[in-house]
């Protein structure tokens, strides 16, 4: 079986070229019996949850596959299971539910499963199972993240060009630039994962469940405000991206010379202004 991503108008061509048969067109006899019934009182049926969606992020929680397990088989199981009962009020298209399911299902040794009411009650008597509500209420405890990692995620939104100038702070004369550079964390620019900082799921989970995110984000908002004000005075700071050593040297010179104009030590035409020693 193949999963083909093609527009509806190309389905006929796919059938002709590849002799494809679509699952939706296959006819089969209905198999009797109720799939919801347990084979034995000592068994539970686990319906493993997943969150699938298109590139437009229209995700929906659904079951990926089922497993029938005996209760005593969990005794030596080192996996953890987050249990969701049938009839739960959780919306399969809600943002939180989808982000949590995608996170749990991709976490090593963790699974999120849906169970019938009777199986749900059985499962929660086992040490390996925790309810969805209990898991989310202690999300940070179950999935600890170092504050440094949260800060790296948040500060990746900062102006990388200005962070690269941090090593030359002692040679920069502008108080505004030095004040801003002093607000940046002590991480290397390369350790700030800019691609990861655009992950909506990670940002949502940090904001929803991790207490340190609020403090880090507040500082980042202060940094962003100062960056915007600084780049109004030094527009070329948004111009370089690679940050080679020779380029950084040129930008130090640019900042220092324009800083003299901003502070009134030099006129816009480059002429040095002479001030009396006691002049106000």
Protein backbone atom coordinates (compact mmCIF):
# COMPACT_ATOMS: atom_id res chain seq x y z
CA UNK A 1 0.00 0.00 0.00
CA UNK A 2 1.31 3.44 -0.92
CA UNK A 3 0.32 6.88 0.27
CA UNK A 4 0.21 9.12 -2.79
CA UNK A 5 -0.01 12.92 -2.49
CA UNK A 6 -1.69 14.04 -5.69
CA UNK A 7 -4.39 16.45 -6.75
CA UNK A 8 -7.84 14.98 -7.37
CA UNK A 9 -7.69 15.80 -11.08
CA UNK A 10 -4.67 13.48 -11.46
CA UNK A 11 -6.26 10.39 -9.87
CA UNK A 12 -7.48 8.99 -13.19
CA UNK A 13 -4.00 9.31 -14.67
CA UNK A 14 -2.51 7.59 -11.62
CA UNK A 15 -4.93 4.69 -12.05
CA UNK A 16 -4.05 4.31 -15.73
CA UNK A 17 -0.28 4.65 -15.35
CA UNK A 18 0.27 2.68 -12.13
CA UNK A 19 -2.80 0.42 -12.27
CA UNK A 20 -3.67 1.89 -8.87
CA UNK A 21 -6.68 0.84 -6.83
CA UNK A 22 -7.95 3.27 -4.25
CA UNK A 23 -8.90 1.90 -0.84
CA UNK A 24 -12.14 3.85 -0.87
CA UNK A 25 -13.31 1.94 -3.95
CA UNK A 26 -12.56 -1.58 -2.64
CA UNK A 27 -15.66 -3.56 -1.71
CA UNK A 28 -15.51 -6.17 1.04
CA UNK A 29 -17.87 -8.23 3.15
CA UNK A 30 -18.65 -6.86 6.60
CA UNK A 31 -17.06 -8.93 9.34
CA UNK A 32 -19.47 -9.77 12.16
CA UNK A 33 -18.83 -9.21 15.84
CA UNK A 34 -18.11 -6.09 17.88
CA UNK A 35 -14.56 -4.77 17.75
CA UNK A 36 -15.19 -2.99 21.04
CA UNK A 37 -15.55 -6.23 23.02
CA UNK A 38 -12.58 -7.61 24.93
CA UNK A 39 -11.40 -11.12 24.24
CA UNK A 40 -10.94 -11.65 27.94
CA UNK A 41 -11.40 -9.93 31.27
CA UNK A 42 -7.65 -9.82 31.74
CA UNK A 43 -7.09 -7.85 28.50
CA UNK A 44 -7.35 -4.26 27.36
CA UNK A 45 -7.45 -2.78 23.87
CA UNK A 46 -5.12 0.17 23.34
CA UNK A 47 -5.90 2.55 20.49
CA UNK A 48 -2.70 4.49 19.88
CA UNK A 49 -3.32 8.14 19.06
CA UNK A 50 -1.59 10.26 16.46
CA UNK A 51 -2.05 13.75 15.06
CA UNK A 52 -2.00 14.02 11.29
CA UNK A 53 -2.50 17.13 9.24
CA UNK A 54 -1.75 18.91 6.01
CA UNK A 55 0.89 21.53 5.43
CA UNK A 56 -1.67 24.12 6.47
CA UNK A 57 -1.50 22.67 10.01
CA UNK A 58 -5.11 21.48 10.02
CA UNK A 59 -4.28 18.64 12.36
CA UNK A 60 -6.73 16.14 13.80
CA UNK A 61 -6.21 13.51 16.48
CA UNK A 62 -7.08 9.98 15.38
CA UNK A 63 -6.12 6.36 16.11
CA UNK A 64 -3.11 5.02 14.25
CA UNK A 65 -3.45 1.36 15.25
CA UNK A 66 -4.84 -0.94 17.95
CA UNK A 67 -3.16 -3.44 20.24
CA UNK A 68 -4.76 -5.98 22.54
CA UNK A 69 -2.66 -6.50 25.66
CA UNK A 70 -3.01 -8.70 28.72
CA UNK A 71 -2.95 -6.82 32.01
CA UNK A 72 -0.02 -8.82 33.39
CA UNK A 73 2.06 -7.98 30.28
CA UNK A 74 2.56 -4.47 31.66
CA UNK A 75 4.43 -5.70 34.75
CA UNK A 76 7.82 -5.59 33.04
CA UNK A 77 6.91 -2.82 30.59
CA UNK A 78 9.18 0.23 30.86
CA UNK A 79 6.85 2.30 28.64
CA UNK A 80 4.51 4.98 29.99
CA UNK A 81 0.96 5.46 28.71
CA UNK A 82 -1.24 8.54 28.76
CA UNK A 83 -4.85 7.37 28.85
CA UNK A 84 -7.78 9.11 27.16
CA UNK A 85 -11.24 7.55 27.70
CA UNK A 86 -13.90 7.17 25.03
CA UNK A 87 -16.42 9.95 25.38
CA UNK A 88 -13.77 12.43 26.51
CA UNK A 89 -14.64 16.09 25.98
CA UNK A 90 -11.29 16.63 24.23
CA UNK A 91 -11.84 18.10 20.77
CA UNK A 92 -9.83 16.07 18.18
CA UNK A 93 -9.16 19.30 16.28
CA UNK A 94 -8.21 21.48 19.26
CA UNK A 95 -4.77 23.04 19.18
CA UNK A 96 -3.66 21.87 22.62
CA UNK A 97 -4.81 18.29 22.13
CA UNK A 98 -3.04 18.00 18.79
CA UNK A 99 0.20 19.52 20.02
CA UNK A 100 0.24 17.31 23.11
CA UNK A 101 -0.54 14.14 21.12
CA UNK A 102 2.20 14.90 18.59
CA UNK A 103 4.65 15.57 21.42
CA UNK A 104 3.80 12.44 23.43
CA UNK A 105 3.70 10.11 20.42
CA UNK A 106 7.16 11.29 19.40
CA UNK A 107 8.63 10.97 22.90
CA UNK A 108 10.77 7.92 23.62
CA UNK A 109 9.13 5.44 26.03
CA UNK A 110 5.87 7.40 26.05
CA UNK A 111 2.57 6.63 24.32
CA UNK A 112 -0.86 8.22 24.30
CA UNK A 113 -3.80 5.84 23.92
CA UNK A 114 -7.58 5.87 23.94
CA UNK A 115 -9.52 3.19 25.81
CA UNK A 116 -13.09 2.13 26.44
CA UNK A 117 -14.58 3.09 29.80
CA UNK A 118 -13.95 -0.34 31.36
CA UNK A 119 -10.42 -0.57 29.94
CA UNK A 120 -9.69 2.99 31.09
CA UNK A 121 -10.58 2.07 34.68
CA UNK A 122 -8.44 -1.07 34.50
CA UNK A 123 -5.48 0.75 33.00
CA UNK A 124 -5.37 3.52 35.60
CA UNK A 125 -4.79 0.90 38.32
CA UNK A 126 -1.41 0.18 36.69
CA UNK A 127 1.74 2.18 37.44
CA UNK A 128 2.49 2.63 33.73
CA UNK A 129 -0.72 4.58 33.06
CA UNK A 130 -1.62 8.19 33.81
CA UNK A 131 -4.71 10.09 32.76
CA UNK A 132 -4.47 12.89 30.22
CA UNK A 133 -5.66 15.43 32.81
CA UNK A 134 -3.06 14.37 35.40
CA UNK A 135 -0.32 14.42 32.78
CA UNK A 136 -1.11 17.95 31.56
CA UNK A 137 -1.48 19.27 35.11
CA UNK A 138 2.11 18.16 35.81
CA UNK A 139 3.49 18.47 32.28
CA UNK A 140 6.67 20.29 33.34
CA UNK A 141 7.30 17.66 36.01
CA UNK A 142 6.88 14.72 33.62
CA UNK A 143 8.87 16.33 30.81
CA UNK A 144 11.45 18.63 32.45
CA UNK A 145 13.28 21.13 30.26
CA UNK A 146 16.31 23.10 31.42
CA UNK A 147 15.71 26.85 31.66
CA UNK A 148 18.72 27.30 29.38
CA UNK A 149 17.00 25.36 26.61
CA UNK A 150 13.89 27.50 26.93
CA UNK A 151 16.02 30.63 26.77
CA UNK A 152 17.83 29.38 23.68
CA UNK A 153 14.47 28.83 22.04
CA UNK A 154 13.17 32.29 23.00
CA UNK A 155 16.36 34.26 22.31
CA UNK A 156 16.69 32.69 18.87
CA UNK A 157 14.25 35.43 17.82
CA UNK A 158 16.92 38.04 18.60
CA UNK A 159 18.92 39.94 15.99
CA UNK A 160 21.80 37.56 15.23
CA UNK A 161 23.83 40.37 13.72
CA UNK A 162 23.90 42.25 17.01
CA UNK A 163 24.64 39.11 19.02
CA UNK A 164 27.71 38.52 16.85
CA UNK A 165 29.05 41.93 17.90
CA UNK A 166 29.06 40.88 21.55
CA UNK A 167 32.69 39.76 21.38
CA UNK A 168 33.72 43.27 20.29
CA UNK A 169 31.75 45.12 22.95
CA UNK A 170 34.86 46.67 24.52
CA UNK A 171 35.68 48.36 21.21
CA UNK A 172 32.23 49.86 20.64
CA UNK A 173 31.75 53.45 21.86
CA UNK A 174 27.95 53.68 21.55
CA UNK A 175 26.26 53.32 24.96
CA UNK A 176 22.99 52.17 23.31
CA UNK A 177 24.69 49.31 21.49
CA UNK A 178 26.65 48.22 24.53
CA UNK A 179 23.53 48.32 26.73
CA UNK A 180 21.65 46.10 24.30
CA UNK A 181 24.52 43.66 23.83
CA UNK A 182 24.72 43.36 27.61
CA UNK A 183 21.10 42.14 27.68
CA UNK A 184 21.79 39.15 25.46
CA UNK A 185 22.34 35.76 27.11
CA UNK A 186 25.81 34.29 27.16
CA UNK A 187 25.04 31.66 24.53
CA UNK A 188 26.94 31.36 21.28
CA UNK A 189 24.90 32.57 18.32
CA UNK A 190 25.33 29.15 16.67
CA UNK A 191 23.63 27.42 19.62
CA UNK A 192 20.43 29.40 19.10
CA UNK A 193 18.33 27.22 16.80
CA UNK A 194 16.48 29.72 14.65
CA UNK A 195 14.64 27.00 12.74
CA UNK A 196 13.40 25.43 15.98
CA UNK A 197 12.28 28.86 17.22
CA UNK A 198 9.66 28.90 14.47
CA UNK A 199 8.10 25.61 15.63
CA UNK A 200 4.56 26.44 16.65
CA UNK A 201 4.17 23.26 18.69
CA UNK A 202 7.28 23.86 20.82
CA UNK A 203 6.37 27.51 21.40
CA UNK A 204 2.82 26.57 22.39
CA UNK A 205 3.93 23.85 24.83
CA UNK A 206 6.57 26.10 26.44
CA UNK A 207 4.07 28.92 26.81
CA UNK A 208 1.30 26.64 28.10
CA UNK A 209 3.16 24.38 30.51
CA UNK A 210 6.59 25.82 31.45
CA UNK A 211 6.80 28.55 34.07
CA UNK A 212 10.19 29.89 32.93
CA UNK A 213 8.91 30.71 29.46
CA UNK A 214 7.00 33.75 30.71
CA UNK A 215 10.10 35.30 32.31
CA UNK A 216 12.31 34.56 29.29
CA UNK A 217 9.71 35.89 26.85
CA UNK A 218 9.27 39.12 28.84
CA UNK A 219 13.00 39.78 28.61
CA UNK A 220 12.93 38.97 24.89
CA UNK A 221 10.18 41.53 24.36
CA UNK A 222 12.36 44.17 26.07
CA UNK A 223 15.29 43.16 23.86
CA UNK A 224 13.15 43.34 20.71
CA UNK A 225 11.97 46.84 21.59
CA UNK A 226 15.55 48.04 22.04
CA UNK A 227 16.68 46.28 18.85
CA UNK A 228 14.03 48.06 16.81
CA UNK A 229 14.98 51.44 18.28
CA UNK A 230 18.69 50.78 17.71
CA UNK A 231 18.22 49.72 14.09
CA UNK A 232 16.39 52.99 13.42
CA UNK A 233 19.62 54.77 14.32
CA UNK A 234 21.91 52.19 12.69
CA UNK A 235 19.93 50.77 9.71
CA UNK A 236 22.98 49.01 8.26
CA UNK A 237 23.02 46.64 11.24
CA UNK A 238 20.24 44.75 9.49
CA UNK A 239 22.34 44.48 6.37
CA UNK A 240 24.98 41.87 7.12
CA UNK A 241 24.17 38.25 7.77
CA UNK A 242 27.27 36.04 7.71
CA UNK A 243 29.21 38.03 10.25
CA UNK A 244 32.77 37.26 9.08
CA UNK A 245 35.49 38.77 11.27
CA UNK A 246 36.41 41.39 8.69
CA UNK A 247 32.76 42.43 8.38
CA UNK A 248 32.39 42.77 12.12
CA UNK A 249 35.41 45.08 12.18
CA UNK A 250 33.75 47.30 9.58
CA UNK A 251 30.54 47.49 11.59
CA UNK A 252 32.40 48.48 14.73
CA UNK A 253 33.86 51.39 12.76
CA UNK A 254 30.41 52.26 11.38
CA UNK A 255 28.83 52.26 14.84
CA UNK A 256 31.59 54.31 16.43
CA UNK A 257 31.58 56.97 13.72
CA UNK A 258 27.81 57.32 13.54
CA UNK A 259 27.61 57.29 17.32
CA UNK A 260 29.55 60.55 17.33
CA UNK A 261 26.83 62.12 15.18
CA UNK A 262 24.03 60.69 17.30
CA UNK A 263 25.63 61.98 20.49
CA UNK A 264 26.28 65.38 18.95
CA UNK A 265 30.07 65.07 18.93
CA UNK A 266 30.19 65.35 15.16
CA UNK A 267 27.92 67.01 12.62
CA UNK A 268 26.08 65.05 9.96
CA UNK A 269 28.59 66.22 7.33
CA UNK A 270 31.42 64.66 9.33
CA UNK A 271 32.92 67.83 10.79
CA UNK A 272 34.08 67.58 14.38
CA UNK A 273 32.16 69.79 16.79
CA UNK A 274 34.26 71.66 19.35
CA UNK A 275 32.64 72.20 22.72
CA UNK A 276 33.77 74.43 25.54
CA UNK A 277 34.85 72.44 28.58
CA UNK A 278 32.05 73.86 30.77
CA UNK A 279 29.45 74.22 28.01
CA UNK A 280 26.05 72.73 28.64
